[in-house]
Amino acid sequence: MGAARPRDWQPLADSDPVPGDPDRLQELGRKLRRTADELERQVRHLKAAADVTSWDSDAGREFRGGAKKCRGRLEAAHRRYQAAADAIGDRIVDHGGDYESNATAPAGTYVTELHRAQKLADIARREARDAEERGGAAKKGLDGEVGGRRKADLEKQAAAAGDALDAARAKLGEARRIRDAAAKRAREAIEDAVSDDSLKDGFWDRFADFVEQVAGVTELISKWAGIAALMVGWIPVIGQGLAGLLGAISMVATLANIACTATQVAMGDTSWTELAWSAVGLLAMGAGKAFSKVAGRYVAGTLRRMRLAKGGRETPRRSRRNRKGLNRQLTRGRRIEKGDISASLREPVTEVFRSSTWKGGLQGGYRQAWRELKDRGDGNGLKGALQSVSLADASVASDLKEVKHLGRALGQYEAVNKLSRRATGMTVAGSGITAGGLFIDEVH
């Protein structure tokens, strides 16, 4: 590494007007040259392999075709490295220490031109500082009492110093011009080398990059929207609506991510294993939702019977029948039925487009929800809201809280507690399976 550049550039500039390290650039040029030379050797080897005709068979012809194709790419890479090495330069040419030799030297590589421009800038700096010193001394002399001849001499010295300072600024401008012109030539040479060769990204390369970016974004959206859907279910009143919306977003993002992965498989950018794991993650999310569906049917059926049992508007015979049915409902569980998983995969997407999802949960249900919260809290809405917090799935939590509330009125404490534990356990298990599906890409 060469000597450090000066820090003080007054009176020409506030900082180094021609920054850079020619020695480091020279080392970069040498590395590029070595790479270009190695690529050239490999091209010769491939050319020799592609020209072999003694291996006359289908495999031999396929090998020679592959060698020719690979040779074309290596030749393009060689041209790129060679163009970069030629433009930057791998050797600094020094033109001496005087201004005239450097100012009139022929244009060279960027590293030589940067070295030359810095030499000119350093000369301009020295001359400017000398001119400033002489001009300052002349002005200081003019401030005192001097005779006419001495005054004229000092004024002449001050003017000469000013002219010298202007000349130094002009030399600095020439140094910048040389550096900028060299940078432009180097940039254009490299751009010409890479603008139209076999290594340049085409439409499908850009499309592959786009698919990869979309896959990354949808993976993040799917994961964190799914986690949020699992976490907001405890929020009273609006938890179910939020969970439904976030679950739909997560599912749509998951499907989009699977489509991207399938596209990458078709383009040869990833393996079938990646697609299989994505499908497993989707199925895990569906299976987890299926657990919540089973728990939801179980709780909803029980809640209907409890409402009838508490209603008191039926005949004694009908009431006894409802109570018997309620007891059976409370003592038996439910199993995953055929179609639960496939239905649970569709519902997060389809439910978000149903107006009933929003009308019942987020629009027209506020007053009724508040009345239910007050009822659960024995007249205290805040107490009822705190009691509504649940670990159960959002689709089950509200009905489960009402089941517990009605259970107190019907004297079904023990049976209701069993139902609550069973339903909560199923939804927590479902949430765990869903979370596993969301994070399956992180562990495989």
Protein backbone atom coordinates (compact mmCIF):
# COMPACT_ATOMS: atom_id res chain seq x y z
CA MET A 1 0.00 0.00 0.00
CA GLY A 2 1.33 3.42 -0.97
CA ALA A 3 1.88 6.47 1.19
CA ALA A 4 -1.16 7.94 2.86
CA ARG A 5 -2.87 10.78 1.10
CA PRO A 6 -2.62 14.31 2.62
CA ARG A 7 -5.51 15.30 4.89
CA ASP A 8 -5.27 19.10 4.65
CA TRP A 9 -6.16 20.38 1.19
CA GLN A 10 -6.68 24.04 1.96
CA PRO A 11 -6.86 26.42 0.18
CA LEU A 12 -7.95 24.21 -2.75
CA ALA A 13 -10.53 21.92 -1.15
CA ASP A 14 -11.96 20.76 2.16
CA SER A 15 -10.93 17.13 1.56
CA ASP A 16 -8.91 15.01 -0.88
CA PRO A 17 -10.28 15.95 -4.35
CA VAL A 18 -8.78 12.84 -5.99
CA PRO A 19 -9.19 10.04 -3.43
CA GLY A 20 -8.29 6.40 -4.02
CA ASP A 21 -5.52 3.86 -3.51
CA PRO A 22 -3.72 3.00 -6.78
CA ASP A 23 -1.70 0.24 -5.09
CA ARG A 24 -4.80 -1.64 -3.98
CA LEU A 25 -6.37 -1.19 -7.40
CA GLN A 26 -3.20 -2.54 -8.97
CA GLU A 27 -3.45 -5.64 -6.78
CA LEU A 28 -7.11 -6.07 -7.82
CA GLY A 29 -6.09 -5.80 -11.48
CA ARG A 30 -3.46 -8.48 -10.97
CA LYS A 31 -6.02 -10.83 -9.39
CA LEU A 32 -8.39 -10.24 -12.30
CA ARG A 33 -5.55 -10.94 -14.73
CA ARG A 34 -4.64 -14.19 -12.98
CA THR A 35 -8.27 -15.30 -13.09
CA ALA A 36 -8.52 -14.41 -16.78
CA ASP A 37 -5.35 -16.40 -17.52
CA GLU A 38 -6.69 -19.43 -15.63
CA LEU A 39 -9.99 -19.26 -17.48
CA GLU A 40 -8.11 -19.11 -20.77
CA ARG A 41 -6.23 -22.30 -19.87
CA GLN A 42 -9.50 -24.06 -19.02
CA VAL A 43 -11.00 -22.93 -22.32
CA ARG A 44 -8.10 -24.54 -24.18
CA HIS A 45 -8.61 -27.81 -22.25
CA LEU A 46 -12.33 -27.87 -23.04
CA LYS A 47 -11.67 -27.07 -26.66
CA ALA A 48 -9.32 -30.03 -26.87
CA ALA A 49 -11.93 -32.27 -25.19
CA ALA A 50 -14.71 -31.06 -27.50
CA ASP A 51 -12.58 -31.78 -30.59
CA VAL A 52 -11.93 -35.43 -29.67
CA THR A 53 -13.65 -37.63 -32.27
CA SER A 54 -12.30 -41.06 -31.27
CA TRP A 55 -15.12 -41.48 -28.73
CA ASP A 56 -17.82 -42.12 -31.33
CA SER A 57 -20.96 -43.01 -29.42
CA ASP A 58 -24.09 -41.36 -28.06
CA ALA A 59 -22.34 -40.72 -24.74
CA GLY A 60 -19.31 -39.30 -26.53
CA ARG A 61 -21.41 -37.00 -28.66
CA GLU A 62 -23.35 -35.86 -25.59
CA PHE A 63 -20.09 -35.20 -23.76
CA ARG A 64 -18.71 -33.16 -26.65
CA GLY A 65 -21.93 -31.15 -26.85
CA GLY A 66 -21.78 -30.40 -23.13
CA ALA A 67 -18.12 -29.45 -23.43
CA LYS A 68 -18.85 -26.99 -26.23
CA LYS A 69 -21.66 -25.41 -24.24
CA CYS A 70 -19.48 -25.13 -21.13
CA ARG A 71 -16.61 -23.76 -23.24
CA GLY A 72 -18.85 -20.96 -24.51
CA ARG A 73 -19.67 -19.88 -20.97
CA LEU A 74 -16.02 -20.06 -19.92
CA GLU A 75 -15.03 -17.98 -22.93
CA ALA A 76 -17.60 -15.34 -21.94
CA ALA A 77 -16.29 -15.35 -18.37
CA HIS A 78 -12.73 -15.05 -19.69
CA ARG A 79 -13.68 -12.03 -21.79
CA ARG A 80 -15.28 -10.37 -18.77
CA TYR A 81 -12.27 -10.85 -16.51
CA GLN A 82 -9.85 -9.86 -19.23
CA ALA A 83 -11.81 -6.71 -20.03
CA ALA A 84 -11.92 -5.77 -16.33
CA ALA A 85 -8.17 -6.41 -15.93
CA ASP A 86 -7.39 -4.35 -19.05
CA ALA A 87 -9.64 -1.47 -17.94
CA ILE A 88 -8.44 -1.30 -14.33
CA GLY A 89 -4.84 -2.21 -15.04
CA ASP A 90 -2.38 -4.49 -13.29
CA ARG A 91 0.68 -2.20 -13.42
CA ILE A 92 1.13 1.44 -12.44
CA VAL A 93 3.09 3.48 -14.99
CA ASP A 94 4.87 6.41 -13.33
CA HIS A 95 5.52 9.51 -15.47
CA GLY A 96 7.89 11.29 -13.11
CA GLY A 97 7.39 13.96 -10.50
CA ASP A 98 6.95 17.16 -12.54
CA TYR A 99 3.70 18.61 -13.72
CA GLU A 100 4.51 18.79 -17.45
CA SER A 101 5.45 15.11 -17.76
CA ASN A 102 2.24 13.98 -16.07
CA ALA A 103 -0.02 16.51 -17.81
CA THR A 104 1.16 15.54 -21.31
CA ALA A 105 1.45 11.77 -20.77
CA PRO A 106 -0.76 9.51 -22.96
CA ALA A 107 -3.90 8.02 -21.44
CA GLY A 108 -3.47 4.62 -19.83
CA THR A 109 -5.37 2.21 -17.61
CA TYR A 110 -7.49 3.48 -14.76
CA VAL A 111 -4.93 2.66 -12.07
CA THR A 112 -2.20 4.55 -14.00
CA GLU A 113 -4.50 7.49 -14.66
CA LEU A 114 -5.53 7.66 -11.00
CA HIS A 115 -1.85 7.65 -9.99
CA ARG A 116 -1.14 10.38 -12.56
CA ALA A 117 -4.11 12.50 -11.42
CA GLN A 118 -3.00 12.24 -7.80
CA LYS A 119 0.50 13.36 -8.77
CA LEU A 120 -1.00 16.44 -10.46
CA ALA A 121 -3.24 17.11 -7.47
CA ASP A 122 -0.30 16.88 -5.09
CA ILE A 123 1.69 19.35 -7.24
CA ALA A 124 -1.29 21.71 -7.31
CA ARG A 125 -1.61 21.44 -3.53
CA ARG A 126 2.03 22.32 -2.91
CA GLU A 127 1.90 25.28 -5.30
CA ALA A 128 -1.36 26.52 -3.80
CA ARG A 129 -0.04 26.37 -0.25
CA ASP A 130 3.15 28.18 -1.34
CA ALA A 131 1.09 30.83 -3.16
CA GLU A 132 -1.14 31.29 -0.14
CA GLU A 133 1.88 31.70 2.12
CA ARG A 134 3.48 34.28 -0.20
CA GLY A 135 0.20 36.11 -0.66
CA GLY A 136 -0.38 36.20 3.09
CA ALA A 137 3.08 37.62 3.73
CA ALA A 138 2.55 40.32 1.08
CA LYS A 139 -0.81 41.32 2.52
CA LYS A 140 0.65 41.44 6.00
CA GLY A 141 3.37 43.80 4.76
CA LEU A 142 0.75 46.04 3.14
CA ASP A 143 -1.02 46.41 6.48
CA GLY A 144 1.94 48.34 7.87
CA GLU A 145 3.51 51.72 6.98
CA VAL A 146 5.53 51.17 3.78
CA GLY A 147 6.99 53.48 1.18
CA GLY A 148 5.69 53.84 -2.34
CA ARG A 149 8.23 51.56 -4.02
CA ARG A 150 7.95 48.91 -1.28
CA LYS A 151 4.17 49.09 -1.47
CA ALA A 152 4.25 48.55 -5.22
CA ASP A 153 6.52 45.52 -4.78
CA LEU A 154 4.21 44.02 -2.15
CA GLU A 155 1.15 44.58 -4.30
CA LYS A 156 2.94 42.92 -7.20
CA GLN A 157 3.83 39.95 -4.96
CA ALA A 158 0.22 39.66 -3.77
CA ALA A 159 -1.06 39.70 -7.33
CA ALA A 160 1.50 37.11 -8.40
CA ALA A 161 0.48 34.92 -5.46
CA GLY A 162 -3.16 35.22 -6.51
CA ASP A 163 -2.27 34.24 -10.08
CA ALA A 164 -0.28 31.28 -8.79
CA LEU A 165 -3.26 30.17 -6.67
CA ASP A 166 -5.54 30.35 -9.69
CA ALA A 167 -3.02 28.32 -11.69
CA ALA A 168 -2.94 25.70 -8.91
CA ARG A 169 -6.75 25.47 -9.01
CA ALA A 170 -6.57 24.96 -12.78
CA LYS A 171 -4.04 22.15 -12.31
CA LEU A 172 -6.31 20.52 -9.76
CA GLY A 173 -9.16 20.77 -12.26
CA GLU A 174 -6.99 19.00 -14.85
CA ALA A 175 -6.23 16.25 -12.33
CA ARG A 176 -9.93 15.71 -11.73
CA ARG A 177 -10.62 15.71 -15.48
CA ILE A 178 -7.99 13.02 -16.06
CA ARG A 179 -9.37 10.86 -13.23
CA ASP A 180 -13.01 11.24 -14.39
CA ALA A 181 -12.15 10.50 -18.04
CA ALA A 182 -10.26 7.35 -17.01
CA ALA A 183 -13.16 6.18 -14.83
CA LYS A 184 -15.58 6.69 -17.72
CA ARG A 185 -13.40 4.72 -20.14
CA ALA A 186 -12.99 1.85 -17.68
CA ARG A 187 -16.73 1.73 -16.94
CA GLU A 188 -17.65 1.73 -20.62
CA ALA A 189 -15.11 -0.98 -21.43
CA ILE A 190 -16.47 -3.26 -18.70
CA GLU A 191 -20.08 -2.55 -19.68
CA ASP A 192 -19.29 -3.40 -23.31
CA ALA A 193 -17.75 -6.70 -22.24
CA VAL A 194 -20.80 -7.82 -20.22
CA SER A 195 -23.63 -6.17 -22.18
CA ASP A 196 -24.30 -8.97 -24.65
CA ASP A 197 -22.74 -12.31 -23.86
CA SER A 198 -23.99 -15.73 -22.81
CA LEU A 199 -23.58 -14.90 -19.11
CA LYS A 200 -25.91 -11.90 -19.24
CA ASP A 201 -29.15 -12.48 -17.36
CA GLY A 202 -32.02 -13.09 -19.74
CA PHE A 203 -35.75 -13.10 -19.19
CA TRP A 204 -35.77 -16.48 -17.45
CA ASP A 205 -32.91 -15.49 -15.15
CA ARG A 206 -34.81 -12.38 -14.09
CA PHE A 207 -37.99 -14.42 -13.75
CA ALA A 208 -36.19 -16.95 -11.54
CA ASP A 209 -34.92 -14.12 -9.33
CA PHE A 210 -38.47 -12.73 -9.10
CA VAL A 211 -39.88 -16.13 -8.12
CA GLU A 212 -37.19 -16.55 -5.47
CA GLN A 213 -38.00 -13.15 -3.98
CA VAL A 214 -41.74 -13.86 -3.96
CA ALA A 215 -41.10 -17.26 -2.33
CA GLY A 216 -39.10 -15.61 0.44
CA VAL A 217 -41.73 -12.95 1.09
CA THR A 218 -44.66 -15.38 1.07
CA GLU A 219 -42.81 -17.71 3.42
CA LEU A 220 -42.41 -14.90 5.95
CA ILE A 221 -46.03 -13.76 5.56
CA SER A 222 -47.32 -17.31 5.93
CA LYS A 223 -45.27 -17.96 9.03
CA TRP A 224 -45.93 -14.79 10.98
CA ALA A 225 -49.57 -14.32 9.94
CA GLY A 226 -50.17 -17.93 11.02
CA ILE A 227 -48.48 -17.34 14.36
CA ALA A 228 -50.51 -14.16 14.88
CA ALA A 229 -53.71 -16.08 14.07
CA LEU A 230 -52.85 -18.55 16.82
CA MET A 231 -52.09 -15.79 19.31
CA VAL A 232 -55.09 -13.47 18.90
CA GLY A 233 -57.76 -16.07 19.57
CA TRP A 234 -57.86 -15.18 23.27
CA ILE A 235 -58.93 -11.58 22.54
CA PRO A 236 -62.60 -11.31 23.55
CA VAL A 237 -65.23 -10.51 20.94
CA ILE A 238 -62.98 -9.70 17.95
CA GLY A 239 -60.50 -12.54 18.38
CA GLN A 240 -62.38 -14.91 16.11
CA GLY A 241 -62.62 -12.33 13.32
CA LEU A 242 -58.94 -11.45 13.57
CA ALA A 243 -57.91 -15.08 13.71
CA GLY A 244 -60.01 -15.84 10.64
CA LEU A 245 -58.51 -12.98 8.66
CA LEU A 246 -54.93 -13.75 9.67
CA GLY A 247 -55.47 -17.45 9.04
CA ALA A 248 -56.74 -16.68 5.54
CA ILE A 249 -53.72 -14.48 4.85
CA SER A 250 -51.41 -17.23 6.08
CA MET A 251 -53.13 -19.86 3.95
CA VAL A 252 -53.08 -17.74 0.78
CA ALA A 253 -49.38 -16.96 1.34
CA THR A 254 -48.70 -20.67 1.88
CA LEU A 255 -50.42 -21.59 -1.38
CA ALA A 256 -48.49 -18.86 -3.19
CA ASN A 257 -45.25 -20.15 -1.69
CA ILE A 258 -46.04 -23.70 -2.86
CA ALA A 259 -46.72 -22.34 -6.36
CA CYS A 260 -43.34 -20.58 -6.31
CA THR A 261 -41.60 -23.74 -5.11
CA ALA A 262 -43.28 -25.77 -7.86
CA THR A 263 -42.11 -23.20 -10.41
CA GLN A 264 -38.56 -23.41 -9.07
CA VAL A 265 -38.69 -27.22 -9.34
CA ALA A 266 -39.86 -26.96 -12.95
CA MET A 267 -37.00 -24.55 -13.72
CA GLY A 268 -34.45 -26.81 -12.02
CA ASP A 269 -33.62 -24.27 -9.30
CA THR A 270 -34.68 -26.48 -6.39
CA SER A 271 -35.43 -30.13 -5.68
CA TRP A 272 -38.66 -32.08 -5.42
CA THR A 273 -37.85 -32.54 -1.75
CA GLU A 274 -38.45 -28.84 -1.14
CA LEU A 275 -41.86 -29.08 -2.78
CA ALA A 276 -42.70 -32.18 -0.77
CA TRP A 277 -41.84 -30.45 2.49
CA SER A 278 -43.99 -27.47 1.49
CA ALA A 279 -46.90 -29.83 0.85
CA VAL A 280 -46.34 -31.51 4.20
CA GLY A 281 -46.43 -28.10 5.88
CA LEU A 282 -49.73 -27.30 4.16
CA LEU A 283 -51.22 -30.63 5.22
CA ALA A 284 -50.05 -30.05 8.79
CA MET A 285 -51.84 -26.70 8.84
CA GLY A 286 -54.98 -28.40 7.55
CA ALA A 287 -54.71 -31.18 10.12
CA GLY A 288 -54.27 -28.66 12.91
CA LYS A 289 -57.37 -26.76 11.78
CA ALA A 290 -59.27 -30.05 11.59
CA PHE A 291 -58.72 -30.57 15.32
CA SER A 292 -60.30 -27.17 15.96
CA LYS A 293 -63.21 -28.08 13.63
CA VAL A 294 -63.91 -31.26 15.61
CA ALA A 295 -63.74 -29.38 18.90
CA GLY A 296 -65.95 -26.67 17.43
CA ARG A 297 -68.65 -29.17 16.36
CA TYR A 298 -68.46 -30.84 19.73
CA VAL A 299 -68.87 -27.59 21.65
CA ALA A 300 -71.48 -26.14 19.28
CA GLY A 301 -73.69 -29.26 19.55
CA THR A 302 -73.44 -29.17 23.30
CA LEU A 303 -74.22 -25.46 23.40
CA ARG A 304 -77.41 -25.94 21.37
CA ARG A 305 -78.70 -28.53 23.81
CA MET A 306 -77.74 -26.40 26.81
CA ARG A 307 -79.62 -23.43 25.42
CA LEU A 308 -82.70 -25.59 24.90
CA ALA A 309 -82.34 -27.07 28.38
CA LYS A 310 -82.18 -23.63 29.93
CA GLY A 311 -84.90 -22.11 27.76
CA GLY A 312 -87.82 -23.51 29.75
CA ARG A 313 -90.23 -23.08 26.82
CA GLU A 314 -90.58 -26.82 26.09
CA THR A 315 -92.80 -29.53 27.52
CA PRO A 316 -91.44 -31.45 30.54
CA ARG A 317 -91.06 -34.55 28.34
CA ARG A 318 -89.10 -32.61 25.73
CA SER A 319 -87.01 -30.96 28.44
CA ARG A 320 -86.10 -34.35 29.97
CA ARG A 321 -85.12 -35.61 26.52
CA ASN A 322 -82.90 -32.59 25.97
CA ARG A 323 -81.23 -33.10 29.35
CA LYS A 324 -80.55 -36.76 28.56
CA GLY A 325 -79.13 -35.77 25.20
CA LEU A 326 -77.04 -33.11 26.91
CA ASN A 327 -75.62 -35.64 29.35
CA ARG A 328 -74.68 -37.97 26.49
CA GLN A 329 -73.14 -35.03 24.61
CA LEU A 330 -71.07 -34.03 27.63
CA THR A 331 -69.74 -37.53 28.27
CA ARG A 332 -68.64 -38.50 24.76
CA GLY A 333 -66.10 -36.98 22.45
CA ARG A 334 -65.93 -36.45 18.73
CA ARG A 335 -63.50 -37.78 16.15
CA ILE A 336 -62.04 -36.34 12.96
CA GLU A 337 -64.41 -37.26 10.16
CA LYS A 338 -63.82 -37.78 6.46
CA GLY A 339 -63.28 -34.46 4.73
CA ASP A 340 -62.36 -32.48 7.87
CA ILE A 341 -58.79 -31.80 6.73
CA SER A 342 -59.69 -30.90 3.14
CA ALA A 343 -62.51 -28.66 4.38
CA SER A 344 -60.23 -26.99 6.90
CA LEU A 345 -57.77 -26.19 4.10
CA ARG A 346 -60.49 -24.45 2.11
CA GLU A 347 -62.27 -22.60 4.87
CA PRO A 348 -59.55 -20.07 5.86
CA VAL A 349 -59.54 -18.85 2.26
CA THR A 350 -63.26 -19.01 1.53
CA GLU A 351 -64.45 -17.60 4.85
CA VAL A 352 -62.66 -14.30 4.35
CA PHE A 353 -64.84 -13.63 1.29
CA ARG A 354 -68.11 -14.31 3.11
CA SER A 355 -69.97 -11.25 4.32
CA SER A 356 -71.37 -13.24 7.23
CA THR A 357 -67.88 -13.60 8.64
CA TRP A 358 -67.64 -9.85 9.12
CA LYS A 359 -71.28 -9.00 9.80
CA GLY A 360 -71.55 -11.39 12.70
CA GLY A 361 -68.10 -10.93 14.18
CA LEU A 362 -66.96 -7.39 13.43
CA GLN A 363 -70.00 -5.35 12.42
CA GLY A 364 -73.37 -6.20 13.88
CA GLY A 365 -72.28 -8.22 16.87
CA TYR A 366 -70.88 -5.57 19.19
CA ARG A 367 -74.00 -4.94 21.23
CA GLN A 368 -74.84 -8.61 21.60
CA ALA A 369 -71.23 -9.38 22.44
CA TRP A 370 -71.23 -6.70 25.13
CA ARG A 371 -74.44 -8.10 26.61
CA GLU A 372 -72.91 -11.57 26.70
CA LEU A 373 -69.76 -10.22 28.36
CA LYS A 374 -71.83 -8.48 31.02
CA ASP A 375 -73.87 -11.62 31.55
CA ARG A 376 -70.71 -13.69 31.98
CA GLY A 377 -69.34 -11.15 34.44
CA ASP A 378 -72.56 -10.96 36.51
CA GLY A 379 -73.28 -7.50 35.23
CA ASN A 380 -69.65 -6.36 34.93
CA GLY A 381 -68.54 -6.20 31.29
CA LEU A 382 -64.84 -5.83 32.15
CA LYS A 383 -64.97 -8.84 34.44
CA GLY A 384 -66.73 -10.81 31.73
CA ALA A 385 -64.07 -9.79 29.19
CA LEU A 386 -61.29 -10.98 31.50
CA GLN A 387 -63.11 -14.26 32.06
CA SER A 388 -63.42 -14.72 28.29
CA VAL A 389 -59.67 -15.03 27.85
CA SER A 390 -58.99 -18.60 26.72
CA LEU A 391 -56.21 -20.81 25.38
CA ALA A 392 -58.72 -22.51 23.10
CA ASP A 393 -58.91 -21.81 19.38
CA ALA A 394 -60.70 -18.59 18.45
CA SER A 395 -63.47 -20.54 16.70
CA VAL A 396 -64.20 -22.45 19.91
CA ALA A 397 -63.30 -20.08 22.74
CA SER A 398 -66.49 -17.98 22.67
CA ASP A 399 -68.85 -20.98 22.58
CA LEU A 400 -66.82 -22.71 25.28
CA LYS A 401 -67.14 -19.73 27.60
CA GLU A 402 -70.91 -19.70 27.08
CA VAL A 403 -71.04 -23.45 27.77
CA LYS A 404 -69.30 -22.84 31.10
CA HIS A 405 -71.69 -20.00 31.91
CA LEU A 406 -74.77 -22.11 31.13
CA GLY A 407 -73.25 -25.06 32.97
CA ARG A 408 -73.39 -23.09 36.21
CA ALA A 409 -77.09 -22.44 35.71
CA LEU A 410 -77.83 -26.08 34.85
CA GLY A 411 -75.67 -27.59 37.59
CA GLN A 412 -73.42 -29.41 35.13
CA TYR A 413 -70.13 -28.32 36.67
CA GLU A 414 -68.14 -31.55 36.44
CA ALA A 415 -69.36 -32.52 32.97
CA VAL A 416 -68.77 -29.03 31.63
CA ASN A 417 -65.23 -29.01 33.04
CA LYS A 418 -64.53 -32.31 31.27
CA LEU A 419 -65.87 -30.90 28.02
CA SER A 420 -63.78 -27.76 28.44
CA ARG A 421 -60.59 -29.71 29.05
CA ARG A 422 -61.29 -32.03 26.12
CA ALA A 423 -62.10 -29.21 23.68
CA THR A 424 -59.23 -27.02 24.85
CA GLY A 425 -56.82 -29.94 24.60
CA MET A 426 -57.91 -30.65 21.04
CA THR A 427 -57.54 -27.03 19.95
CA VAL A 428 -54.15 -26.65 21.67
CA ALA A 429 -52.99 -29.84 19.94
CA GLY A 430 -54.31 -28.48 16.67
CA SER A 431 -52.47 -25.21 17.24
CA GLY A 432 -49.28 -27.14 17.88
CA ILE A 433 -49.67 -29.10 14.63
CA THR A 434 -50.42 -25.87 12.75
CA ALA A 435 -47.35 -24.18 14.24
CA GLY A 436 -45.29 -27.19 13.23
CA GLY A 437 -46.57 -26.81 9.68
CA LEU A 438 -45.62 -23.13 9.71
CA PHE A 439 -42.07 -23.86 10.86
CA ILE A 440 -41.48 -27.05 8.92
CA ASP A 441 -39.24 -25.24 6.41
CA GLU A 442 -36.99 -24.18 9.27
CA VAL A 443 -36.26 -27.71 10.54
CA HIS A 444 -36.01 -29.93 7.48
